[in-house]
Amino acid sequence: MKVEYVLKAITVVLAVIVFLILFSPAFTETVLPGNFYTIEITGLPGPAANGTATVMVPIPANVTGEPVIPEEALVGDRVTGWQAELRETPFGKMLAFTATGECAPDISISFEVLQTEDELQRLPRYQRPTNLTAWEMKRELRLLMPVLATPGDVGVAEFIQVSNSTYTTVVFLDGFAPPPEDAAGITFSLEYRGVGGTKRLIRENTWTATVNTAVQGTESGFVPVPAEYRVIAGGIGF
């Protein structure tokens, strides 16, 4: 009886050791929250003679319209032939690409930004660099903005709580020469993924917003387009 008890105890200890070897890294591993945005725009006509061509697309933002990717990561000349900047519009902030040359090449760019831990999180909120620490921002709901319309015309704060739905956002075109009649449309492929991060095996929600649509090359100005919104529930992740 005593030998059997000892064997059981040894078995339990070995099981605990194996468990710790296999899963202790997962308990201690931290994946910070992040924002990932890919922009692919193809089939753009050339700029009009002596003109400036502009394309604008929505940006990842929270329910108040504040961008969740820093402005310095979005702007600049990372795309050949284009200069990017954040621009205020009647609908809210959008990412504007401007070309002043004789051609407007297709646009292809990706942004990957991890939210960093706030080393000053012990300070009162009003003294912090931001109002939210990284691990508070992980639960911050986000999608591609502006939002022009939602199903049932509910507010953004209410709509963003749903798991899967389609809403209306907007793109912008200006300054392009009229394309040939048989020209294909301008294709917008925009994909945003907001990851809540993982800490001690607990995975937070992931938000995605995707635009996959073609716009006629003759369009000019603001063009409403559909966006698919999805929430991928978190939980325990191994």
C-alpha atoms as a PDB file:
ATOM      1  CA  MET A   1       0.000   0.000   0.000  1.00  0.00           C
ATOM      2  CA  LYS A   2       2.816   2.332   0.914  1.00  0.00           C
ATOM      3  CA  VAL A   3       4.680   1.517  -2.330  1.00  0.00           C
ATOM      4  CA  GLU A   4       1.526   2.215  -4.338  1.00  0.00           C
ATOM      5  CA  TYR A   5       1.139   5.598  -2.626  1.00  0.00           C
ATOM      6  CA  VAL A   6       4.750   6.504  -3.393  1.00  0.00           C
ATOM      7  CA  LEU A   7       4.324   5.496  -7.051  1.00  0.00           C
ATOM      8  CA  LYS A   8       1.211   7.664  -7.344  1.00  0.00           C
ATOM      9  CA  ALA A   9       3.027  10.594  -5.763  1.00  0.00           C
ATOM     10  CA  ILE A  10       5.945  10.170  -8.168  1.00  0.00           C
ATOM     11  CA  THR A  11       3.513  10.013 -11.100  1.00  0.00           C
ATOM     12  CA  VAL A  12       1.840  13.250 -10.007  1.00  0.00           C
ATOM     13  CA  VAL A  13       5.198  15.007  -9.600  1.00  0.00           C
ATOM     14  CA  LEU A  14       6.344  13.846 -13.036  1.00  0.00           C
ATOM     15  CA  ALA A  15       3.061  14.998 -14.569  1.00  0.00           C
ATOM     16  CA  VAL A  16       3.497  18.447 -12.991  1.00  0.00           C
ATOM     17  CA  ILE A  17       7.075  18.657 -14.276  1.00  0.00           C
ATOM     18  CA  VAL A  18       6.005  17.706 -17.813  1.00  0.00           C
ATOM     19  CA  PHE A  19       3.171  20.237 -17.681  1.00  0.00           C
ATOM     20  CA  LEU A  20       5.516  23.001 -16.579  1.00  0.00           C
ATOM     21  CA  ILE A  21       8.038  22.131 -19.292  1.00  0.00           C
ATOM     22  CA  LEU A  22       5.387  22.160 -21.998  1.00  0.00           C
ATOM     23  CA  PHE A  23       3.244  25.067 -20.920  1.00  0.00           C
ATOM     24  CA  SER A  24       5.271  27.391 -18.682  1.00  0.00           C
ATOM     25  CA  PRO A  25       6.544  29.371 -21.701  1.00  0.00           C
ATOM     26  CA  ALA A  26       2.942  29.913 -22.734  1.00  0.00           C
ATOM     27  CA  PHE A  27       2.064  31.219 -19.261  1.00  0.00           C
ATOM     28  CA  THR A  28       4.893  33.731 -19.333  1.00  0.00           C
ATOM     29  CA  GLU A  29       4.844  34.610 -23.053  1.00  0.00           C
ATOM     30  CA  THR A  30       3.281  37.951 -23.884  1.00  0.00           C
ATOM     31  CA  VAL A  31       2.135  38.985 -27.352  1.00  0.00           C
ATOM     32  CA  LEU A  32       1.501  42.709 -27.359  1.00  0.00           C
ATOM     33  CA  PRO A  33      -1.633  44.183 -28.933  1.00  0.00           C
ATOM     34  CA  GLY A  34      -1.068  45.339 -32.502  1.00  0.00           C
ATOM     35  CA  ASN A  35      -2.575  46.924 -35.591  1.00  0.00           C
ATOM     36  CA  PHE A  36      -1.964  45.628 -39.108  1.00  0.00           C
ATOM     37  CA  TYR A  37      -3.199  47.409 -42.244  1.00  0.00           C
ATOM     38  CA  THR A  38      -2.604  46.364 -45.861  1.00  0.00           C
ATOM     39  CA  ILE A  39      -3.500  48.613 -48.797  1.00  0.00           C
ATOM     40  CA  GLU A  40      -3.581  47.378 -52.393  1.00  0.00           C
ATOM     41  CA  ILE A  41      -4.958  49.695 -55.098  1.00  0.00           C
ATOM     42  CA  THR A  42      -4.631  48.558 -58.722  1.00  0.00           C
ATOM     43  CA  GLY A  43      -5.825  49.723 -62.128  1.00  0.00           C
ATOM     44  CA  LEU A  44      -5.318  53.440 -61.496  1.00  0.00           C
ATOM     45  CA  PRO A  45      -5.493  55.648 -64.612  1.00  0.00           C
ATOM     46  CA  GLY A  46      -2.705  58.134 -65.268  1.00  0.00           C
ATOM     47  CA  PRO A  47      -2.946  61.647 -63.813  1.00  0.00           C
ATOM     48  CA  ALA A  48      -4.644  64.302 -65.939  1.00  0.00           C
ATOM     49  CA  ALA A  49      -2.359  66.650 -67.853  1.00  0.00           C
ATOM     50  CA  ASN A  50      -0.737  69.246 -65.577  1.00  0.00           C
ATOM     51  CA  GLY A  51      -2.746  67.900 -62.674  1.00  0.00           C
ATOM     52  CA  THR A  52      -2.287  66.290 -59.294  1.00  0.00           C
ATOM     53  CA  ALA A  53      -3.862  62.891 -58.735  1.00  0.00           C
ATOM     54  CA  THR A  54      -5.186  61.991 -55.296  1.00  0.00           C
ATOM     55  CA  VAL A  55      -6.471  58.759 -53.787  1.00  0.00           C
ATOM     56  CA  MET A  56      -7.824  58.579 -50.248  1.00  0.00           C
ATOM     57  CA  VAL A  57      -8.667  55.501 -48.202  1.00  0.00           C
ATOM     58  CA  PRO A  58     -10.104  54.938 -44.707  1.00  0.00           C
ATOM     59  CA  ILE A  59      -7.825  54.472 -41.711  1.00  0.00           C
ATOM     60  CA  PRO A  60      -7.951  52.152 -38.685  1.00  0.00           C
ATOM     61  CA  ALA A  61      -9.499  54.098 -35.811  1.00  0.00           C
ATOM     62  CA  ASN A  62     -11.373  53.688 -32.555  1.00  0.00           C
ATOM     63  CA  VAL A  63     -15.028  54.597 -32.048  1.00  0.00           C
ATOM     64  CA  THR A  64     -14.179  58.286 -31.613  1.00  0.00           C
ATOM     65  CA  GLY A  65     -12.345  58.387 -34.954  1.00  0.00           C
ATOM     66  CA  GLU A  66      -8.870  58.612 -33.423  1.00  0.00           C
ATOM     67  CA  PRO A  67      -6.285  56.699 -35.530  1.00  0.00           C
ATOM     68  CA  VAL A  68      -4.864  53.622 -33.812  1.00  0.00           C
ATOM     69  CA  ILE A  69      -1.750  53.634 -36.013  1.00  0.00           C
ATOM     70  CA  PRO A  70       0.564  56.605 -35.292  1.00  0.00           C
ATOM     71  CA  GLU A  71       0.559  59.316 -37.952  1.00  0.00           C
ATOM     72  CA  GLU A  72       4.321  59.099 -38.402  1.00  0.00           C
ATOM     73  CA  ALA A  73       3.948  55.454 -39.468  1.00  0.00           C
ATOM     74  CA  LEU A  74       1.329  56.301 -42.113  1.00  0.00           C
ATOM     75  CA  VAL A  75       2.737  59.397 -43.789  1.00  0.00           C
ATOM     76  CA  GLY A  76       5.708  59.893 -46.106  1.00  0.00           C
ATOM     77  CA  ASP A  77       6.965  58.659 -49.462  1.00  0.00           C
ATOM     78  CA  ARG A  78       7.142  54.919 -48.829  1.00  0.00           C
ATOM     79  CA  VAL A  79       5.132  54.196 -52.001  1.00  0.00           C
ATOM     80  CA  THR A  80       7.020  54.999 -55.220  1.00  0.00           C
ATOM     81  CA  GLY A  81       5.440  57.946 -56.994  1.00  0.00           C
ATOM     82  CA  TRP A  82       3.156  58.872 -54.098  1.00  0.00           C
ATOM     83  CA  GLN A  83       3.283  61.094 -51.034  1.00  0.00           C
ATOM     84  CA  ALA A  84       1.041  60.026 -48.136  1.00  0.00           C
ATOM     85  CA  GLU A  85      -0.518  62.230 -45.470  1.00  0.00           C
ATOM     86  CA  LEU A  86      -3.481  62.239 -43.102  1.00  0.00           C
ATOM     87  CA  ARG A  87      -6.140  64.623 -44.329  1.00  0.00           C
ATOM     88  CA  GLU A  88      -9.303  65.954 -42.749  1.00  0.00           C
ATOM     89  CA  THR A  89     -12.450  65.366 -44.832  1.00  0.00           C
ATOM     90  CA  PRO A  90     -16.160  66.084 -44.264  1.00  0.00           C
ATOM     91  CA  PHE A  91     -16.419  62.488 -43.012  1.00  0.00           C
ATOM     92  CA  GLY A  92     -13.340  62.441 -40.793  1.00  0.00           C
ATOM     93  CA  LYS A  93      -9.636  61.698 -41.204  1.00  0.00           C
ATOM     94  CA  MET A  94      -8.491  59.676 -44.212  1.00  0.00           C
ATOM     95  CA  LEU A  95      -5.130  58.570 -45.595  1.00  0.00           C
ATOM     96  CA  ALA A  96      -4.397  60.565 -48.768  1.00  0.00           C
ATOM     97  CA  PHE A  97      -1.918  59.526 -51.463  1.00  0.00           C
ATOM     98  CA  THR A  98      -0.890  62.298 -53.868  1.00  0.00           C
ATOM     99  CA  ALA A  99       0.999  61.901 -57.148  1.00  0.00           C
ATOM    100  CA  THR A 100       2.342  64.887 -59.094  1.00  0.00           C
ATOM    101  CA  GLY A 101       4.315  63.034 -61.759  1.00  0.00           C
ATOM    102  CA  GLU A 102       3.269  61.818 -65.192  1.00  0.00           C
ATOM    103  CA  CYS A 103       2.211  58.399 -63.940  1.00  0.00           C
ATOM    104  CA  ALA A 104       0.358  57.007 -60.952  1.00  0.00           C
ATOM    105  CA  PRO A 105       1.647  53.490 -60.253  1.00  0.00           C
ATOM    106  CA  ASP A 106      -0.391  50.970 -58.322  1.00  0.00           C
ATOM    107  CA  ILE A 107      -0.300  51.406 -54.559  1.00  0.00           C
ATOM    108  CA  SER A 108       0.847  48.532 -52.366  1.00  0.00           C
ATOM    109  CA  ILE A 109       1.867  49.032 -48.756  1.00  0.00           C
ATOM    110  CA  SER A 110       1.500  47.370 -45.348  1.00  0.00           C
ATOM    111  CA  PHE A 111       1.656  48.849 -41.858  1.00  0.00           C
ATOM    112  CA  GLU A 112       2.454  46.767 -38.765  1.00  0.00           C
ATOM    113  CA  VAL A 113       2.507  48.563 -35.443  1.00  0.00           C
ATOM    114  CA  LEU A 114       2.631  46.905 -32.019  1.00  0.00           C
ATOM    115  CA  GLN A 115       1.302  48.846 -29.051  1.00  0.00           C
ATOM    116  CA  THR A 116       4.100  49.221 -26.497  1.00  0.00           C
ATOM    117  CA  GLU A 117       3.778  48.884 -22.751  1.00  0.00           C
ATOM    118  CA  ASP A 118       3.338  52.181 -20.962  1.00  0.00           C
ATOM    119  CA  GLU A 119       6.320  52.429 -18.614  1.00  0.00           C
ATOM    120  CA  LEU A 120       4.667  55.337 -16.839  1.00  0.00           C
ATOM    121  CA  GLN A 121       1.391  53.545 -16.116  1.00  0.00           C
ATOM    122  CA  ARG A 122       1.852  54.114 -12.353  1.00  0.00           C
ATOM    123  CA  LEU A 123       1.278  57.837 -12.903  1.00  0.00           C
ATOM    124  CA  PRO A 124      -2.231  59.287 -12.731  1.00  0.00           C
ATOM    125  CA  ARG A 125      -4.052  59.014 -16.058  1.00  0.00           C
ATOM    126  CA  TYR A 126      -3.903  62.743 -16.776  1.00  0.00           C
ATOM    127  CA  GLN A 127      -0.088  62.632 -16.519  1.00  0.00           C
ATOM    128  CA  ARG A 128       0.418  59.637 -18.821  1.00  0.00           C
ATOM    129  CA  PRO A 129       1.572  60.072 -22.443  1.00  0.00           C
ATOM    130  CA  THR A 130      -1.751  58.485 -23.467  1.00  0.00           C
ATOM    131  CA  ASN A 131      -4.956  57.872 -21.584  1.00  0.00           C
ATOM    132  CA  LEU A 132      -4.674  54.118 -22.065  1.00  0.00           C
ATOM    133  CA  THR A 133      -1.852  51.661 -21.468  1.00  0.00           C
ATOM    134  CA  ALA A 134      -1.149  48.971 -24.053  1.00  0.00           C
ATOM    135  CA  TRP A 135      -3.056  46.338 -22.113  1.00  0.00           C
ATOM    136  CA  GLU A 136      -6.010  48.672 -21.680  1.00  0.00           C
ATOM    137  CA  MET A 137      -5.942  49.455 -25.400  1.00  0.00           C
ATOM    138  CA  LYS A 138      -6.209  45.744 -26.215  1.00  0.00           C
ATOM    139  CA  ARG A 139      -9.953  45.935 -25.537  1.00  0.00           C
ATOM    140  CA  GLU A 140     -10.354  49.155 -27.516  1.00  0.00           C
ATOM    141  CA  LEU A 141     -12.825  48.472 -30.325  1.00  0.00           C
ATOM    142  CA  ARG A 142     -11.587  49.554 -33.767  1.00  0.00           C
ATOM    143  CA  LEU A 143     -12.383  49.350 -37.468  1.00  0.00           C
ATOM    144  CA  LEU A 144     -11.755  51.217 -40.724  1.00  0.00           C
ATOM    145  CA  MET A 145     -13.130  54.751 -40.535  1.00  0.00           C
ATOM    146  CA  PRO A 146     -14.925  56.862 -41.720  1.00  0.00           C
ATOM    147  CA  VAL A 147     -18.232  55.070 -41.283  1.00  0.00           C
ATOM    148  CA  LEU A 148     -20.886  56.501 -43.596  1.00  0.00           C
ATOM    149  CA  ALA A 149     -23.698  54.085 -42.787  1.00  0.00           C
ATOM    150  CA  THR A 150     -24.406  51.008 -40.659  1.00  0.00           C
ATOM    151  CA  PRO A 151     -27.212  48.422 -40.827  1.00  0.00           C
ATOM    152  CA  GLY A 152     -30.243  49.920 -39.167  1.00  0.00           C
ATOM    153  CA  ASP A 153     -28.423  53.264 -38.952  1.00  0.00           C
ATOM    154  CA  VAL A 154     -27.177  52.453 -35.458  1.00  0.00           C
ATOM    155  CA  GLY A 155     -24.316  54.510 -34.056  1.00  0.00           C
ATOM    156  CA  VAL A 156     -20.720  53.420 -34.514  1.00  0.00           C
ATOM    157  CA  ALA A 157     -20.317  52.648 -30.800  1.00  0.00           C
ATOM    158  CA  GLU A 158     -23.256  50.231 -30.990  1.00  0.00           C
ATOM    159  CA  PHE A 159     -22.418  48.739 -34.398  1.00  0.00           C
ATOM    160  CA  ILE A 160     -18.818  47.954 -33.496  1.00  0.00           C
ATOM    161  CA  GLN A 161     -20.031  45.573 -30.775  1.00  0.00           C
ATOM    162  CA  VAL A 162     -21.474  43.116 -33.325  1.00  0.00           C
ATOM    163  CA  SER A 163     -19.580  40.007 -34.420  1.00  0.00           C
ATOM    164  CA  ASN A 164     -20.112  40.056 -38.193  1.00  0.00           C
ATOM    165  CA  SER A 165     -21.717  42.648 -40.418  1.00  0.00           C
ATOM    166  CA  THR A 166     -21.261  44.974 -43.387  1.00  0.00           C
ATOM    167  CA  TYR A 167     -21.120  48.747 -43.176  1.00  0.00           C
ATOM    168  CA  THR A 168     -20.391  51.561 -45.626  1.00  0.00           C
ATOM    169  CA  THR A 169     -17.096  53.421 -45.682  1.00  0.00           C
ATOM    170  CA  VAL A 170     -15.645  55.674 -48.389  1.00  0.00           C
ATOM    171  CA  VAL A 171     -12.730  56.119 -50.788  1.00  0.00           C
ATOM    172  CA  PHE A 172     -11.774  59.191 -52.821  1.00  0.00           C
ATOM    173  CA  LEU A 173     -10.443  59.737 -56.358  1.00  0.00           C
ATOM    174  CA  ASP A 174      -9.476  62.964 -58.080  1.00  0.00           C
ATOM    175  CA  GLY A 175      -7.207  64.274 -60.845  1.00  0.00           C
ATOM    176  CA  PHE A 176      -7.087  61.228 -63.105  1.00  0.00           C
ATOM    177  CA  ALA A 177      -7.360  61.320 -66.892  1.00  0.00           C
ATOM    178  CA  PRO A 178     -10.446  59.548 -68.278  1.00  0.00           C
ATOM    179  CA  PRO A 179      -9.537  55.893 -68.894  1.00  0.00           C
ATOM    180  CA  PRO A 180     -10.276  54.039 -72.145  1.00  0.00           C
ATOM    181  CA  GLU A 181     -13.808  52.694 -72.414  1.00  0.00           C
ATOM    182  CA  ASP A 182     -12.630  49.106 -72.151  1.00  0.00           C
ATOM    183  CA  ALA A 183     -10.406  49.769 -69.119  1.00  0.00           C
ATOM    184  CA  ALA A 184     -10.960  47.646 -66.043  1.00  0.00           C
ATOM    185  CA  GLY A 185     -12.118  49.306 -62.857  1.00  0.00           C
ATOM    186  CA  ILE A 186      -9.915  50.506 -60.026  1.00  0.00           C
ATOM    187  CA  THR A 187      -9.647  47.769 -57.417  1.00  0.00           C
ATOM    188  CA  PHE A 188      -9.430  48.615 -53.726  1.00  0.00           C
ATOM    189  CA  SER A 189      -8.233  45.812 -51.456  1.00  0.00           C
ATOM    190  CA  LEU A 190      -7.948  47.094 -47.896  1.00  0.00           C
ATOM    191  CA  GLU A 191      -7.516  44.789 -44.917  1.00  0.00           C
ATOM    192  CA  TYR A 192      -7.241  45.875 -41.291  1.00  0.00           C
ATOM    193  CA  ARG A 193      -6.572  43.502 -38.397  1.00  0.00           C
ATOM    194  CA  GLY A 194      -6.515  44.723 -34.819  1.00  0.00           C
ATOM    195  CA  VAL A 195      -5.089  42.112 -32.454  1.00  0.00           C
ATOM    196  CA  GLY A 196      -5.813  42.318 -28.751  1.00  0.00           C
ATOM    197  CA  GLY A 197      -2.695  40.385 -27.793  1.00  0.00           C
ATOM    198  CA  THR A 198      -2.069  37.347 -25.579  1.00  0.00           C
ATOM    199  CA  LYS A 199      -0.988  37.207 -21.952  1.00  0.00           C
ATOM    200  CA  ARG A 200      -0.736  34.089 -19.740  1.00  0.00           C
ATOM    201  CA  LEU A 201      -2.627  31.973 -22.286  1.00  0.00           C
ATOM    202  CA  ILE A 202      -5.501  34.464 -22.433  1.00  0.00           C
ATOM    203  CA  ARG A 203      -6.045  35.730 -25.966  1.00  0.00           C
ATOM    204  CA  GLU A 204      -8.037  38.928 -26.447  1.00  0.00           C
ATOM    205  CA  ASN A 205     -10.435  39.614 -29.313  1.00  0.00           C
ATOM    206  CA  THR A 206      -9.280  40.336 -32.855  1.00  0.00           C
ATOM    207  CA  TRP A 207     -11.104  42.868 -35.033  1.00  0.00           C
ATOM    208  CA  THR A 208     -10.993  42.824 -38.829  1.00  0.00           C
ATOM    209  CA  ALA A 209     -12.376  45.228 -41.406  1.00  0.00           C
ATOM    210  CA  THR A 210     -11.985  44.460 -45.103  1.00  0.00           C
ATOM    211  CA  VAL A 211     -12.780  46.317 -48.320  1.00  0.00           C
ATOM    212  CA  ASN A 212     -12.653  44.359 -51.578  1.00  0.00           C
ATOM    213  CA  THR A 213     -14.357  46.303 -54.331  1.00  0.00           C
ATOM    214  CA  ALA A 214     -13.883  47.765 -57.816  1.00  0.00           C
ATOM    215  CA  VAL A 215     -14.686  51.383 -58.659  1.00  0.00           C
ATOM    216  CA  GLN A 216     -15.163  52.726 -62.179  1.00  0.00           C
ATOM    217  CA  GLY A 217     -12.165  54.717 -63.414  1.00  0.00           C
ATOM    218  CA  THR A 218     -14.511  57.525 -64.371  1.00  0.00           C
ATOM    219  CA  GLU A 219     -15.520  58.084 -60.761  1.00  0.00           C
ATOM    220  CA  SER A 220     -14.389  61.288 -59.080  1.00  0.00           C
ATOM    221  CA  GLY A 221     -14.760  62.557 -55.547  1.00  0.00           C
ATOM    222  CA  PHE A 222     -15.994  60.511 -52.595  1.00  0.00           C
ATOM    223  CA  VAL A 223     -17.233  57.020 -53.477  1.00  0.00           C
ATOM    224  CA  PRO A 224     -19.103  54.916 -50.858  1.00  0.00           C
ATOM    225  CA  VAL A 225     -17.856  51.320 -50.677  1.00  0.00           C
ATOM    226  CA  PRO A 226     -18.865  48.306 -48.540  1.00  0.00           C
ATOM    227  CA  ALA A 227     -16.648  47.026 -45.737  1.00  0.00           C
ATOM    228  CA  GLU A 228     -16.921  43.638 -44.048  1.00  0.00           C
ATOM    229  CA  TYR A 229     -16.506  43.843 -40.268  1.00  0.00           C
ATOM    230  CA  ARG A 230     -15.794  40.827 -38.097  1.00  0.00           C
ATOM    231  CA  VAL A 231     -14.937  40.160 -34.459  1.00  0.00           C
ATOM    232  CA  ILE A 232     -12.941  37.007 -33.719  1.00  0.00           C
ATOM    233  CA  ALA A 233     -13.554  36.094 -30.092  1.00  0.00           C
ATOM    234  CA  GLY A 234     -10.579  35.527 -27.809  1.00  0.00           C
ATOM    235  CA  GLY A 235     -10.222  33.015 -25.022  1.00  0.00           C
ATOM    236  CA  ILE A 236      -7.700  30.506 -23.760  1.00  0.00           C
ATOM    237  CA  GLY A 237      -5.066  29.894 -26.437  1.00  0.00           C
ATOM    238  CA  PHE A 238      -2.387  27.191 -26.423  1.00  0.00           C
END
